[in-house]
Amino acid sequence: MSGISTFKSKSISILLLLILPFTIITGQSQKRSKPNVIFIVVDDLRPELGVYGNSTIKTPNIDKLAGRGTTFTNAYCQVAVCAPSRASALTGLRPDSTKVWVLGEEFRKIHPDVVTIPQQFEKFNYHTVSIGKIFHNHMPDSISFREPDLRPDGYALKNMVDRDPESFYFSGELKTELAAKRLERLAKDPKRYGNGWAYGRSVEVANCPDDSLYDGAQTSLAIQTINRVKNKKKPFFLALGYFRPHLPFVAPKKYWDLYDPMEIPMADNNFIPFNAPSMAMYNQREMTACYDLEYVKHPAYFRMPEKEARMLKHGYYASVSYVDACIGRLVDELEKQKLLDNTIIVLWGDHGWKLGEHNAWGKQTNYLNDTRVPLIVYAPGMKNPGSKSNELVEMVDLYPTLCDLAGIETPSYLQGVSFKKLLNENSVEWKGAVFSQFLRPAGEGIDLNKKNYMGYSMVTKSYHLIEWYYWDKVTQKPGELVARELYNLTSDPKENFNIAMYPENKDILEKLSEQRKKGWKEVKNKLVTAQSTQ
């Protein structure tokens, strides 16, 4: 009996000696191994996707990603225009802190030492890579990445005439004119004009392969880059910025062919909101501007004719489906390389875009068509894959959330809050309000006073309050309150009726106004306190 016990003891000891080193090694490996991050931002993408309930648009790949992650149905950007929105999200600071309110302002010149999301990840031994539009076209911010601003080889001058296609909408003469203009501009400045933009009319049907256009080409580059960096001794952070569906709406013909334009539903509120103040609306310069064929040229109308409205929405849908296919290729590659189990994917839109709502085509207002954005987050080990969260979240929350998910230090000064908990729990109450704003420079709205205005916006689950102030460009501070907007999101979710001036709404208006003035700090403090007591 004692011999058997001794044999068992020795056997167990030998087994432990064999297993222990492996356990120690794998334990250390797991301790070192942090998840990779794919950070995808899509320009002008509104929640016009299958997973958000749109049964007309074709987005099978984004919908599939949503089935693996969490879809946020009430996510909001901080400013409905590219550079300010991206500066806010990538620094974790709100616009009044970044002081980037309009296009052309560069956060790095204002705050040269600010640490962006990829910089924070590089501090924690991540290999950081940038492809496409992450910050803005004129400021790729090479400081933020170890491999900054990668571009597809030879794209700028390759086949530029050939990819000006036969078009459903425009004549061969115009096509030739646009091709000549492109080549002329590319020869003068290939860095600027070979970066993903198309210049010309508002739509083009490109009879070409996906990779003949920039978003397809940069997807192939992203796949090559993943395969190049996946075996490094450190995790990678890949930021990938898609240009479409930003104007002009240019996509390969097969994506246009997915749709019958007569079956695409048009906006049923193609009118300015009743009682809206003049500074609230944009003058549609983005759509109607003509800079010597440099950008887009679409005829200006008081109201877009139905035929052209259908053409534009068709172009937007085709562009979204094109980008959806690109994202599908990227995720399929991650799955093929067995990287999905250790890769965080965040997909977000920098702001929305009005497709005829409020008689407008474009962004640059405080309305929900412009500030509400798609946000899908996938993280390995999520408890509720395929879930939807209706809680209020903001793009300024991305920074702390990604740090939290990756297990790296979160800077204490960030002005958002991690929503990691919402990826695993469906019944958590979150923020009571979210905050956006828009600076309306003199001459860029329909206001005739030629004044500068700042519109501060607060969205709760029931109401949307916007307060407009004169804006002092010298002091960079708001002055006199000049107008208010209040929308009841329960009875008027499309924001067609401003009810701020009606006496019966005085009490709720003043209550919300007081809440807005206390701002994001109070909302964040309440949330942090509530979470700490649970």
Protein backbone atom coordinates (compact mmCIF):
# COMPACT_ATOMS: atom_id res chain seq x y z
CA MET A 1 0.00 0.00 0.00
CA SER A 2 2.78 2.38 0.92
CA GLY A 3 4.54 1.51 -2.37
CA ILE A 4 1.47 2.52 -4.35
CA SER A 5 1.24 5.79 -2.41
CA THR A 6 4.90 6.50 -3.05
CA PHE A 7 4.42 5.75 -6.78
CA LYS A 8 1.40 8.06 -6.96
CA SER A 9 3.31 10.77 -5.14
CA LYS A 10 6.25 10.54 -7.51
CA SER A 11 3.94 10.48 -10.53
CA ILE A 12 2.13 13.61 -9.37
CA SER A 13 5.45 15.32 -8.67
CA ILE A 14 6.74 14.46 -12.15
CA LEU A 15 3.47 15.64 -13.72
CA LEU A 16 3.68 18.92 -11.83
CA LEU A 17 7.26 19.41 -12.95
CA LEU A 18 6.13 18.91 -16.55
CA ILE A 19 3.06 21.17 -16.31
CA LEU A 20 4.42 23.95 -14.08
CA PRO A 21 6.90 25.47 -16.55
CA PHE A 22 4.22 25.49 -19.25
CA THR A 23 1.76 27.10 -16.85
CA ILE A 24 4.28 29.74 -15.85
CA ILE A 25 5.17 30.47 -19.48
CA THR A 26 1.59 30.74 -20.65
CA GLY A 27 0.70 32.77 -17.59
CA GLN A 28 3.47 35.24 -18.35
CA SER A 29 2.45 35.28 -22.01
CA GLN A 30 -1.15 36.01 -21.10
CA LYS A 31 0.01 38.75 -18.74
CA ARG A 32 2.04 40.36 -21.55
CA SER A 33 -0.53 39.82 -24.28
CA LYS A 34 -2.82 42.81 -24.61
CA PRO A 35 -5.52 42.91 -27.30
CA ASN A 36 -4.92 44.47 -30.67
CA VAL A 37 -7.14 47.42 -31.59
CA ILE A 38 -8.76 48.22 -34.95
CA PHE A 39 -10.08 51.80 -34.78
CA ILE A 40 -12.38 52.47 -37.76
CA VAL A 41 -13.86 55.90 -38.38
CA VAL A 42 -16.19 56.46 -41.35
CA ASP A 43 -16.74 59.97 -42.69
CA ASP A 44 -20.33 61.33 -42.73
CA LEU A 45 -21.81 57.95 -41.75
CA ARG A 46 -25.17 58.31 -40.06
CA PRO A 47 -27.02 55.38 -38.44
CA GLU A 48 -28.40 54.44 -41.87
CA LEU A 49 -27.50 50.75 -41.55
CA GLY A 50 -29.34 47.45 -41.44
CA VAL A 51 -28.52 46.90 -37.77
CA TYR A 52 -30.14 50.26 -37.00
CA GLY A 53 -33.41 49.15 -38.58
CA ASN A 54 -33.01 50.39 -42.16
CA SER A 55 -34.39 47.57 -44.32
CA THR A 56 -33.48 49.23 -47.65
CA ILE A 57 -29.75 49.80 -47.31
CA LYS A 58 -27.37 46.88 -47.91
CA THR A 59 -24.79 46.63 -45.11
CA PRO A 60 -24.37 42.88 -44.44
CA ASN A 61 -20.79 43.13 -43.21
CA ILE A 62 -21.33 45.90 -40.69
CA ASP A 63 -24.46 44.07 -39.54
CA LYS A 64 -22.38 40.90 -39.09
CA LEU A 65 -19.85 42.82 -37.00
CA ALA A 66 -22.71 44.19 -34.91
CA GLY A 67 -23.82 40.60 -34.33
CA ARG A 68 -20.48 40.00 -32.64
CA GLY A 69 -20.41 43.22 -30.63
CA THR A 70 -22.66 45.86 -29.10
CA THR A 71 -24.55 48.43 -31.16
CA PHE A 72 -25.17 51.78 -29.47
CA THR A 73 -28.41 53.35 -30.66
CA ASN A 74 -27.98 56.65 -28.80
CA ALA A 75 -24.40 57.67 -29.53
CA TYR A 76 -23.55 61.33 -30.21
CA CYS A 77 -20.58 63.26 -31.52
CA GLN A 78 -19.51 66.53 -29.92
CA VAL A 79 -19.55 68.64 -33.11
CA ALA A 80 -21.22 67.82 -36.43
CA VAL A 81 -18.22 68.58 -38.63
CA CYS A 82 -15.07 66.54 -39.32
CA ALA A 83 -12.05 68.20 -37.70
CA PRO A 84 -13.70 69.29 -34.41
CA SER A 85 -15.45 65.94 -33.95
CA ARG A 86 -12.29 63.93 -34.52
CA ALA A 87 -10.15 66.25 -32.40
CA SER A 88 -12.58 65.80 -29.52
CA ALA A 89 -12.86 62.01 -29.80
CA LEU A 90 -9.15 61.39 -30.25
CA THR A 91 -8.02 63.67 -27.41
CA GLY A 92 -10.85 62.80 -25.02
CA LEU A 93 -11.59 66.52 -24.61
CA ARG A 94 -14.69 68.50 -25.45
CA PRO A 95 -14.67 71.30 -28.05
CA ASP A 96 -14.47 74.15 -25.52
CA SER A 97 -11.31 72.45 -24.22
CA THR A 98 -9.70 71.57 -27.55
CA LYS A 99 -10.80 74.98 -28.90
CA VAL A 100 -11.33 73.30 -32.26
CA TRP A 101 -14.81 74.43 -33.25
CA VAL A 102 -14.66 74.73 -37.02
CA LEU A 103 -12.79 73.31 -40.01
CA GLY A 104 -9.27 74.63 -40.43
CA GLU A 105 -8.40 74.79 -36.74
CA GLU A 106 -5.64 72.33 -35.85
CA PHE A 107 -5.64 70.86 -32.35
CA ARG A 108 -1.89 70.16 -32.45
CA LYS A 109 -1.09 73.85 -32.92
CA ILE A 110 -3.42 74.81 -30.08
CA HIS A 111 -2.31 72.00 -27.74
CA PRO A 112 1.10 70.78 -28.95
CA ASP A 113 1.58 68.38 -26.02
CA VAL A 114 -1.86 66.78 -25.92
CA VAL A 115 -1.77 62.96 -25.86
CA THR A 116 -4.11 61.31 -28.36
CA ILE A 117 -5.57 57.80 -28.14
CA PRO A 118 -2.84 56.16 -30.26
CA GLN A 119 -0.12 58.03 -28.35
CA GLN A 120 -1.50 56.65 -25.08
CA PHE A 121 -1.46 53.14 -26.53
CA GLU A 122 2.10 53.56 -27.77
CA LYS A 123 3.11 54.47 -24.20
CA PHE A 124 1.96 50.98 -23.26
CA ASN A 125 4.04 49.21 -25.90
CA TYR A 126 1.57 49.20 -28.80
CA HIS A 127 2.73 49.43 -32.40
CA THR A 128 0.54 52.21 -33.82
CA VAL A 129 -0.33 52.60 -37.49
CA SER A 130 -2.49 55.14 -39.37
CA ILE A 131 -4.19 54.71 -42.75
CA GLY A 132 -6.71 57.12 -44.30
CA LYS A 133 -8.59 60.02 -42.74
CA ILE A 134 -8.19 59.87 -38.97
CA PHE A 135 -7.86 63.50 -37.87
CA HIS A 136 -8.39 65.53 -41.05
CA ASN A 137 -6.99 65.68 -44.56
CA HIS A 138 -4.72 68.64 -43.89
CA MET A 139 -3.40 67.30 -40.55
CA PRO A 140 -2.61 63.59 -40.41
CA ASP A 141 -0.72 64.25 -37.12
CA SER A 142 2.33 62.07 -37.58
CA ILE A 143 3.19 62.55 -33.89
CA SER A 144 0.31 60.26 -32.97
CA PHE A 145 1.58 57.16 -34.79
CA ARG A 146 4.74 55.12 -35.11
CA GLU A 147 3.91 54.58 -38.79
CA PRO A 148 2.04 57.73 -39.73
CA ASP A 149 -0.22 58.34 -42.70
CA LEU A 150 0.33 55.22 -44.80
CA ARG A 151 -1.06 55.41 -48.33
CA PRO A 152 -1.59 52.88 -51.11
CA ASP A 153 1.50 52.79 -53.33
CA GLY A 154 1.15 54.60 -56.62
CA TYR A 155 -2.52 55.38 -56.10
CA ALA A 156 -2.33 59.11 -56.63
CA LEU A 157 -1.51 59.08 -60.33
CA LYS A 158 -2.65 55.59 -61.32
CA ASN A 159 -5.49 55.24 -63.82
CA MET A 160 -6.98 58.62 -62.94
CA VAL A 161 -8.59 59.09 -66.35
CA ASP A 162 -9.78 55.50 -66.64
CA ARG A 163 -11.59 55.60 -63.33
CA ASP A 164 -13.75 58.48 -64.47
CA PRO A 165 -16.59 56.21 -65.49
CA GLU A 166 -19.58 55.98 -67.69
CA SER A 167 -22.16 57.72 -65.54
CA PHE A 168 -25.88 57.31 -65.19
CA TYR A 169 -26.18 61.01 -64.65
CA PHE A 170 -23.52 62.94 -66.51
CA SER A 171 -22.35 63.22 -70.09
CA GLY A 172 -19.10 62.07 -71.64
CA GLU A 173 -18.01 65.68 -72.17
CA LEU A 174 -18.27 66.43 -68.49
CA LYS A 175 -16.49 63.16 -67.69
CA THR A 176 -13.54 64.17 -69.86
CA GLU A 177 -13.48 67.63 -68.30
CA LEU A 178 -13.35 66.19 -64.79
CA ALA A 179 -10.59 63.74 -65.71
CA ALA A 180 -8.46 66.52 -67.16
CA LYS A 181 -8.98 68.67 -64.06
CA ARG A 182 -7.98 65.79 -61.79
CA LEU A 183 -4.76 65.10 -63.66
CA GLU A 184 -3.90 68.79 -63.64
CA ARG A 185 -4.42 69.07 -59.89
CA LEU A 186 -2.61 65.81 -59.15
CA ALA A 187 0.43 66.96 -61.11
CA LYS A 188 0.56 70.15 -59.03
CA ASP A 189 -0.03 68.55 -55.64
CA PRO A 190 -0.29 64.74 -55.60
CA LYS A 191 -0.13 64.59 -51.79
CA ARG A 192 -3.31 66.61 -51.45
CA TYR A 193 -5.30 65.36 -54.40
CA GLY A 194 -4.32 61.72 -54.19
CA ASN A 195 -5.61 61.22 -50.66
CA GLY A 196 -8.98 59.64 -51.23
CA TRP A 197 -11.02 62.54 -52.47
CA ALA A 198 -12.74 62.80 -55.78
CA TYR A 199 -13.33 66.23 -57.23
CA GLY A 200 -16.18 67.14 -59.51
CA ARG A 201 -19.92 66.69 -59.44
CA SER A 202 -21.84 65.34 -56.49
CA VAL A 203 -22.15 61.76 -57.78
CA GLU A 204 -20.15 59.39 -59.97
CA VAL A 205 -20.86 55.80 -60.96
CA ALA A 206 -17.42 54.21 -61.28
CA ASN A 207 -17.28 51.22 -63.64
CA CYS A 208 -14.16 49.85 -61.95
CA PRO A 209 -12.90 47.34 -59.36
CA ASP A 210 -13.09 48.25 -55.68
CA ASP A 211 -9.36 48.89 -55.38
CA SER A 212 -9.40 51.43 -58.20
CA LEU A 213 -10.96 53.82 -55.71
CA TYR A 214 -9.14 54.93 -52.60
CA ASP A 215 -11.19 53.20 -49.92
CA GLY A 216 -10.77 49.82 -51.60
CA ALA A 217 -7.05 50.42 -52.13
CA GLN A 218 -6.48 51.43 -48.53
CA THR A 219 -8.40 48.37 -47.32
CA SER A 220 -5.92 46.20 -49.21
CA LEU A 221 -3.09 48.21 -47.64
CA ALA A 222 -4.66 47.72 -44.19
CA ILE A 223 -4.79 43.95 -44.75
CA GLN A 224 -1.15 43.94 -45.86
CA THR A 225 -0.23 46.01 -42.81
CA ILE A 226 -2.03 43.67 -40.40
CA ASN A 227 -0.16 40.71 -41.86
CA ARG A 228 3.10 42.63 -41.51
CA VAL A 229 2.67 43.71 -37.88
CA LYS A 230 0.72 40.76 -36.44
CA ASN A 231 3.86 38.83 -35.50
CA LYS A 232 5.62 41.65 -33.70
CA LYS A 233 6.37 41.15 -30.03
CA LYS A 234 3.82 43.84 -29.21
CA PRO A 235 0.12 44.32 -29.94
CA PHE A 236 -0.91 46.69 -32.72
CA PHE A 237 -3.26 49.67 -32.86
CA LEU A 238 -4.47 50.25 -36.42
CA ALA A 239 -6.48 53.40 -37.14
CA LEU A 240 -8.32 53.21 -40.46
CA GLY A 241 -10.33 56.16 -41.79
CA TYR A 242 -12.78 55.70 -44.67
CA PHE A 243 -13.58 58.66 -46.93
CA ARG A 244 -16.93 57.58 -48.32
CA PRO A 245 -19.81 58.25 -47.87
CA HIS A 246 -18.51 61.83 -47.76
CA LEU A 247 -19.29 63.90 -50.83
CA PRO A 248 -18.87 63.38 -53.70
CA PHE A 249 -20.71 60.07 -53.75
CA VAL A 250 -18.33 57.95 -55.82
CA ALA A 251 -18.60 54.15 -55.71
CA PRO A 252 -18.07 51.22 -58.06
CA LYS A 253 -21.06 50.53 -60.28
CA LYS A 254 -21.93 47.20 -58.63
CA TYR A 255 -22.89 49.05 -55.44
CA TRP A 256 -25.13 51.43 -57.35
CA ASP A 257 -26.73 48.38 -58.94
CA LEU A 258 -27.82 47.11 -55.52
CA TYR A 259 -30.57 49.74 -55.49
CA ASP A 260 -33.56 50.88 -57.48
CA PRO A 261 -33.60 54.63 -56.74
CA MET A 262 -37.39 54.66 -56.97
CA GLU A 263 -37.55 52.27 -54.00
CA ILE A 264 -35.30 54.33 -51.74
CA PRO A 265 -37.51 56.18 -49.23
CA MET A 266 -37.21 59.96 -49.22
CA ALA A 267 -37.28 62.20 -46.14
CA ASP A 268 -40.84 62.98 -45.10
CA ASN A 269 -39.83 66.16 -43.23
CA ASN A 270 -38.14 68.12 -46.02
CA PHE A 271 -38.91 71.43 -44.37
CA ILE A 272 -37.18 73.68 -41.85
CA PRO A 273 -38.40 72.96 -38.29
CA PHE A 274 -41.31 75.18 -37.28
CA ASN A 275 -40.19 78.12 -35.11
CA ALA A 276 -36.49 77.32 -35.64
CA PRO A 277 -34.20 80.36 -35.26
CA SER A 278 -32.28 81.42 -38.34
CA MET A 279 -28.82 80.56 -37.01
CA ALA A 280 -29.88 76.94 -36.47
CA MET A 281 -29.76 76.05 -40.17
CA TYR A 282 -26.79 75.73 -42.50
CA ASN A 283 -26.79 77.37 -45.93
CA GLN A 284 -25.85 74.10 -47.72
CA ARG A 285 -22.59 75.48 -48.99
CA GLU A 286 -21.03 72.01 -48.83
CA MET A 287 -23.49 70.71 -51.42
CA THR A 288 -23.76 73.68 -53.73
CA ALA A 289 -20.26 75.14 -53.65
CA CYS A 290 -18.20 75.27 -56.81
CA TYR A 291 -14.48 75.81 -56.33
CA ASP A 292 -13.41 75.59 -59.99
CA LEU A 293 -14.48 71.92 -59.98
CA GLU A 294 -12.13 71.28 -57.05
CA TYR A 295 -14.75 69.75 -54.79
CA VAL A 296 -18.43 69.28 -55.61
CA LYS A 297 -20.70 71.27 -57.82
CA HIS A 298 -24.40 70.69 -57.47
CA PRO A 299 -26.99 73.24 -58.57
CA ALA A 300 -28.42 75.30 -55.72
CA TYR A 301 -32.15 74.95 -55.14
CA PHE A 302 -34.55 76.27 -52.55
CA ARG A 303 -35.88 72.70 -52.48
CA MET A 304 -34.09 69.79 -54.13
CA PRO A 305 -36.14 68.33 -57.02
CA GLU A 306 -37.23 64.75 -56.35
CA LYS A 307 -35.21 63.29 -59.22
CA GLU A 308 -32.00 64.83 -57.91
CA ALA A 309 -32.87 63.99 -54.31
CA ARG A 310 -33.19 60.35 -55.33
CA MET A 311 -29.92 60.54 -57.22
CA LEU A 312 -28.13 61.92 -54.17
CA LYS A 313 -29.59 59.41 -51.72
CA HIS A 314 -28.85 56.61 -54.19
CA GLY A 315 -25.23 57.82 -54.25
CA TYR A 316 -25.06 57.93 -50.46
CA TYR A 317 -26.44 54.39 -50.16
CA ALA A 318 -24.06 53.07 -52.84
CA SER A 319 -21.12 54.70 -51.03
CA VAL A 320 -22.15 53.14 -47.70
CA SER A 321 -22.46 49.70 -49.31
CA TYR A 322 -19.01 50.13 -50.86
CA VAL A 323 -17.45 50.93 -47.49
CA ASP A 324 -19.42 48.05 -45.94
CA ALA A 325 -17.75 45.67 -48.40
CA CYS A 326 -14.34 47.11 -47.48
CA ILE A 327 -14.99 46.58 -43.78
CA GLY A 328 -16.16 43.04 -44.53
CA ARG A 329 -12.85 42.26 -46.24
CA LEU A 330 -10.95 43.61 -43.25
CA VAL A 331 -12.87 41.62 -40.63
CA ASP A 332 -12.72 38.46 -42.76
CA GLU A 333 -8.94 38.81 -42.82
CA LEU A 334 -8.81 39.13 -39.03
CA GLU A 335 -10.86 35.96 -38.79
CA LYS A 336 -8.68 34.18 -41.37
CA GLN A 337 -5.53 35.10 -39.43
CA LYS A 338 -7.17 33.98 -36.16
CA LEU A 339 -6.83 37.48 -34.70
CA LEU A 340 -10.48 38.14 -33.80
CA ASP A 341 -10.17 36.44 -30.42
CA ASN A 342 -7.59 39.01 -29.36
CA THR A 343 -8.64 42.17 -31.22
CA ILE A 344 -10.92 45.02 -30.16
CA ILE A 345 -12.83 46.61 -33.04
CA VAL A 346 -14.54 49.97 -32.74
CA LEU A 347 -16.53 51.35 -35.67
CA TRP A 348 -17.95 54.86 -35.49
CA GLY A 349 -19.10 57.74 -37.66
CA ASP A 350 -17.60 61.17 -37.03
CA HIS A 351 -21.03 62.79 -37.47
CA GLY A 352 -24.30 62.33 -39.32
CA TRP A 353 -25.53 63.89 -42.56
CA LYS A 354 -28.95 65.18 -43.55
CA LEU A 355 -30.42 63.37 -46.56
CA GLY A 356 -33.19 65.86 -47.30
CA GLU A 357 -34.42 66.17 -43.71
CA HIS A 358 -35.15 69.78 -42.76
CA ASN A 359 -34.81 70.69 -46.43
CA ALA A 360 -31.06 70.19 -46.21
CA TRP A 361 -28.20 68.08 -47.55
CA GLY A 362 -25.17 68.04 -45.31
CA LYS A 363 -24.22 68.31 -41.66
CA GLN A 364 -23.15 71.35 -39.59
CA THR A 365 -26.16 71.78 -37.32
CA ASN A 366 -27.07 70.62 -33.81
CA TYR A 367 -30.00 68.51 -35.02
CA LEU A 368 -29.94 64.79 -34.29
CA ASN A 369 -29.59 63.94 -37.98
CA ASP A 370 -26.13 65.49 -37.67
CA THR A 371 -25.01 64.65 -34.12
CA ARG A 372 -26.35 61.10 -33.71
CA VAL A 373 -23.84 58.60 -35.07
CA PRO A 374 -23.40 54.85 -35.47
CA LEU A 375 -21.18 53.17 -32.89
CA ILE A 376 -20.41 49.45 -32.82
CA VAL A 377 -17.88 47.96 -30.39
CA TYR A 378 -16.58 44.40 -30.42
CA ALA A 379 -14.31 43.16 -27.64
CA PRO A 380 -13.09 39.61 -27.03
CA GLY A 381 -14.92 37.91 -24.20
CA MET A 382 -18.02 40.11 -24.30
CA LYS A 383 -20.91 38.61 -22.36
CA ASN A 384 -23.68 39.85 -24.67
CA PRO A 385 -22.56 39.63 -28.32
CA GLY A 386 -25.15 40.99 -30.71
CA SER A 387 -26.75 43.21 -28.07
CA LYS A 388 -28.05 46.76 -28.49
CA SER A 389 -27.69 49.49 -25.91
CA ASN A 390 -30.12 52.40 -25.88
CA GLU A 391 -28.14 54.28 -23.25
CA LEU A 392 -26.71 57.73 -24.01
CA VAL A 393 -23.02 57.69 -24.88
CA GLU A 394 -20.67 60.18 -26.56
CA MET A 395 -17.65 60.00 -28.83
CA VAL A 396 -15.60 61.69 -26.11
CA ASP A 397 -16.16 58.41 -24.21
CA LEU A 398 -14.17 56.39 -26.75
CA TYR A 399 -10.76 57.24 -25.26
CA PRO A 400 -11.43 56.01 -21.71
CA THR A 401 -13.41 53.02 -23.00
CA LEU A 402 -10.58 51.78 -25.22
CA CYS A 403 -8.07 52.20 -22.40
CA ASP A 404 -10.39 50.28 -20.10
CA LEU A 405 -10.93 47.46 -22.60
CA ALA A 406 -7.21 47.12 -23.34
CA GLY A 407 -6.24 47.23 -19.67
CA ILE A 408 -3.97 50.25 -19.96
CA GLU A 409 -3.90 53.39 -17.83
CA THR A 410 -6.65 55.93 -18.46
CA PRO A 411 -5.50 59.57 -18.19
CA SER A 412 -7.29 61.26 -15.29
CA TYR A 413 -8.06 64.48 -17.19
CA LEU A 414 -10.29 62.89 -19.87
CA GLN A 415 -13.75 64.44 -20.08
CA GLY A 416 -15.66 61.31 -21.07
CA VAL A 417 -16.29 58.11 -19.14
CA SER A 418 -15.69 54.47 -20.05
CA PHE A 419 -18.82 52.60 -21.14
CA LYS A 420 -17.14 49.16 -20.93
CA LYS A 421 -19.81 48.06 -18.49
CA LEU A 422 -22.50 48.51 -21.17
CA LEU A 423 -20.82 45.81 -23.28
CA ASN A 424 -21.61 43.22 -20.65
CA GLU A 425 -24.80 44.39 -18.95
CA ASN A 426 -28.10 45.28 -20.60
CA SER A 427 -29.92 46.77 -17.62
CA VAL A 428 -27.48 49.48 -16.54
CA GLU A 429 -28.71 53.07 -16.40
CA TRP A 430 -26.08 55.36 -17.83
CA LYS A 431 -25.74 59.06 -18.59
CA GLY A 432 -28.67 61.37 -17.99
CA ALA A 433 -27.62 63.67 -20.84
CA VAL A 434 -25.06 64.14 -23.63
CA PHE A 435 -23.63 67.39 -24.97
CA SER A 436 -22.79 68.76 -28.40
CA GLN A 437 -22.25 72.24 -29.80
CA PHE A 438 -21.86 74.11 -33.05
CA LEU A 439 -20.18 77.39 -33.85
CA ARG A 440 -22.05 79.17 -36.65
CA PRO A 441 -19.60 81.65 -38.17
CA ALA A 442 -21.01 84.83 -39.67
CA GLY A 443 -22.07 84.30 -43.25
CA GLU A 444 -22.22 80.50 -43.09
CA GLY A 445 -25.85 80.14 -42.11
CA ILE A 446 -29.15 81.62 -43.19
CA ASP A 447 -29.04 84.24 -40.44
CA LEU A 448 -28.97 87.77 -41.89
CA ASN A 449 -27.35 89.52 -38.91
CA LYS A 450 -23.86 88.42 -39.94
CA LYS A 451 -23.05 87.55 -36.33
CA ASN A 452 -21.12 84.63 -34.87
CA TYR A 453 -23.22 82.25 -32.79
CA MET A 454 -22.47 79.27 -30.57
CA GLY A 455 -25.25 76.75 -30.15
CA TYR A 456 -24.93 74.57 -27.05
CA SER A 457 -26.91 71.34 -27.26
CA MET A 458 -28.04 68.88 -24.60
CA VAL A 459 -29.89 65.65 -25.37
CA THR A 460 -31.71 63.60 -22.76
CA LYS A 461 -33.82 60.55 -23.51
CA SER A 462 -36.93 62.75 -23.67
CA TYR A 463 -35.82 66.21 -24.81
CA HIS A 464 -33.33 68.09 -26.93
CA LEU A 465 -32.42 71.60 -25.79
CA ILE A 466 -30.30 74.01 -27.85
CA GLU A 467 -29.33 77.46 -26.59
CA TRP A 468 -27.80 79.97 -28.99
CA TYR A 469 -25.44 82.71 -27.81
CA TYR A 470 -23.58 85.48 -29.55
CA TRP A 471 -19.99 84.32 -29.79
CA ASP A 472 -17.04 86.62 -29.17
CA LYS A 473 -14.20 85.51 -31.45
CA VAL A 474 -11.64 87.52 -29.48
CA THR A 475 -12.40 86.18 -26.01
CA GLN A 476 -13.69 82.87 -27.39
CA LYS A 477 -16.58 82.97 -24.97
CA PRO A 478 -20.37 83.12 -25.29
CA GLY A 479 -22.15 86.42 -24.84
CA GLU A 480 -25.87 87.14 -24.76
CA LEU A 481 -28.41 84.31 -25.05
CA VAL A 482 -30.34 85.06 -28.26
CA ALA A 483 -32.46 81.98 -29.06
CA ARG A 484 -33.63 78.64 -27.72
CA GLU A 485 -34.85 75.43 -29.26
CA LEU A 486 -36.67 72.65 -27.43
CA TYR A 487 -37.79 69.40 -29.04
CA ASN A 488 -39.88 66.72 -27.37
CA LEU A 489 -38.19 63.53 -28.58
CA THR A 490 -41.09 61.37 -27.42
CA SER A 491 -43.81 63.08 -29.44
CA ASP A 492 -41.55 64.67 -32.08
CA PRO A 493 -38.50 62.41 -32.63
CA LYS A 494 -37.71 64.03 -36.00
CA GLU A 495 -37.45 67.48 -34.41
CA ASN A 496 -40.00 69.24 -36.58
CA PHE A 497 -41.50 71.56 -33.95
CA ASN A 498 -39.52 73.90 -31.73
CA ILE A 499 -41.69 74.28 -28.61
CA ALA A 500 -39.37 76.53 -26.59
CA MET A 501 -41.55 79.63 -26.94
CA TYR A 502 -44.83 78.14 -25.69
CA PRO A 503 -45.77 79.21 -22.11
CA GLU A 504 -46.81 75.71 -21.08
CA ASN A 505 -43.22 74.54 -21.58
CA LYS A 506 -41.64 77.23 -19.42
CA ASP A 507 -40.97 75.00 -16.40
CA ILE A 508 -39.36 72.13 -18.32
CA LEU A 509 -37.39 74.63 -20.41
CA GLU A 510 -35.91 76.32 -17.35
CA LYS A 511 -35.18 72.98 -15.67
CA LEU A 512 -33.34 71.69 -18.74
CA SER A 513 -31.52 74.99 -19.18
CA GLU A 514 -30.21 74.78 -15.64
CA GLN A 515 -29.11 71.20 -16.25
CA ARG A 516 -27.33 72.20 -19.45
CA LYS A 517 -25.44 74.99 -17.70
CA LYS A 518 -24.18 72.53 -15.08
CA GLY A 519 -23.05 70.52 -18.07
CA TRP A 520 -21.13 67.33 -18.62
CA LYS A 521 -19.19 67.54 -15.35
CA GLU A 522 -22.29 67.01 -13.23
CA VAL A 523 -23.48 64.16 -15.46
CA LYS A 524 -20.07 62.46 -15.28
CA ASN A 525 -19.77 62.92 -11.51
CA LYS A 526 -23.23 61.43 -10.93
CA LEU A 527 -22.42 58.46 -13.13
CA VAL A 528 -19.03 57.81 -11.51
CA THR A 529 -20.57 58.09 -8.04
CA ALA A 530 -23.39 55.71 -8.96
CA GLN A 531 -20.98 53.16 -10.41
CA SER A 532 -18.70 53.29 -7.37
CA THR A 533 -21.56 52.42 -5.01
CA GLN A 534 -22.69 49.37 -7.00
